[in-house]
Protein backbone atom coordinates (compact mmCIF):
# COMPACT_ATOMS: atom_id res chain seq x y z
CA MET A 1 -73.21 -62.69 32.04
CA SER A 2 -70.27 -60.54 33.12
CA GLU A 3 -67.11 -60.30 31.12
CA THR A 4 -65.32 -62.33 33.78
CA GLU A 5 -68.00 -65.03 33.51
CA VAL A 6 -67.75 -65.07 29.71
CA ILE A 7 -63.99 -65.68 29.80
CA ILE A 8 -64.30 -68.35 32.52
CA GLU A 9 -66.94 -70.15 30.55
CA TYR A 10 -64.79 -70.09 27.47
CA LEU A 11 -61.83 -71.56 29.39
CA ARG A 12 -64.05 -74.12 30.98
CA SER A 13 -65.54 -75.20 27.68
CA ASN A 14 -62.29 -75.29 25.76
CA PHE A 15 -59.34 -75.91 28.05
CA TYR A 16 -59.89 -76.77 31.68
CA GLU A 17 -62.11 -79.12 33.53
CA GLU A 18 -63.75 -77.57 36.51
CA THR A 19 -65.05 -79.28 39.67
CA ALA A 20 -67.06 -78.00 42.54
CA GLU A 21 -63.97 -78.40 44.69
CA ALA A 22 -61.79 -76.46 42.16
CA PRO A 23 -63.81 -73.79 40.28
CA ILE A 24 -61.98 -71.40 37.95
CA THR A 25 -61.64 -67.96 39.53
CA ALA A 26 -60.77 -64.66 38.03
CA SER A 27 -57.57 -64.19 40.06
CA GLU A 28 -56.25 -67.80 39.76
CA ASP A 29 -52.93 -68.38 38.10
CA LEU A 30 -54.08 -70.48 35.12
CA LEU A 31 -50.61 -71.97 34.69
CA ASP A 32 -51.36 -73.94 37.93
CA ARG A 33 -54.11 -75.75 36.01
CA GLY A 34 -51.71 -76.56 33.17
CA PRO A 35 -50.47 -74.76 30.09
CA ILE A 36 -52.53 -74.01 26.98
CA ASP A 37 -50.79 -75.16 23.83
CA SER A 38 -49.92 -72.72 21.06
CA LEU A 39 -53.03 -73.50 19.02
CA GLY A 40 -55.11 -72.99 22.10
CA ILE A 41 -53.55 -69.59 22.66
CA VAL A 42 -54.37 -68.60 19.10
CA ARG A 43 -57.95 -69.71 19.65
CA LEU A 44 -58.13 -67.79 22.93
CA VAL A 45 -56.78 -64.63 21.40
CA ASP A 46 -59.22 -64.92 18.52
CA PHE A 47 -62.06 -65.40 20.94
CA LEU A 48 -61.03 -62.34 23.04
CA GLU A 49 -60.65 -60.17 19.94
CA SER A 50 -63.95 -61.14 18.47
CA HIS A 51 -65.96 -61.10 21.62
CA PHE A 52 -64.52 -57.94 23.13
CA GLY A 53 -63.78 -55.99 19.95
CA VAL A 54 -60.10 -55.45 20.54
CA GLU A 55 -56.93 -56.24 18.56
CA ILE A 56 -54.26 -58.12 20.47
CA ARG A 57 -50.84 -57.81 18.96
CA PRO A 58 -48.39 -60.78 18.97
CA GLY A 59 -46.12 -58.92 21.45
CA GLU A 60 -49.00 -58.64 23.96
CA VAL A 61 -49.40 -62.38 24.12
CA THR A 62 -47.39 -62.79 27.20
CA ILE A 63 -47.65 -64.75 30.47
CA LYS A 64 -48.19 -61.44 32.23
CA ASN A 65 -51.25 -60.70 30.11
CA PHE A 66 -52.66 -64.22 30.01
CA LYS A 67 -51.86 -65.80 33.39
CA SER A 68 -55.35 -65.17 34.81
CA VAL A 69 -58.80 -63.99 33.83
CA ASP A 70 -58.14 -60.72 35.67
CA ALA A 71 -54.96 -60.23 33.66
CA MET A 72 -56.84 -60.78 30.39
CA LEU A 73 -59.50 -58.34 31.41
CA ALA A 74 -56.87 -55.75 32.34
CA LEU A 75 -55.35 -56.20 28.86
CA ILE A 76 -58.75 -55.76 27.29
CA ASP A 77 -59.39 -52.64 29.34
CA ARG A 78 -56.03 -51.12 28.34
CA LYS A 79 -56.72 -51.94 24.65
CA ARG A 80 -60.16 -50.33 24.84
CA LYS A 81 -58.75 -47.22 26.35
CA ASN A 82 -55.91 -46.99 23.82
CA GLU A 83 -58.19 -47.69 20.85
CA ALA A 84 -60.65 -45.01 22.05
CA VAL A 85 -57.94 -42.30 21.85
């Protein structure tokens, strides 16, 4: 399973219902599906940190970084590059 699929499956299992007519896509603005509450954000951050081996600081939990699966993956990629230095 790709990293994109892993995040989509997590979102599908925990936050959003998905139908054949409206599958979750990597570039989709997730706010269009409805907001995730604060506890959900904490759970999502915990999942991303543990699954992808990165540390996400509170200041990085922004709409820009979490509005889509692509945005989350870009954040993870930046974190990996910065932590490798």
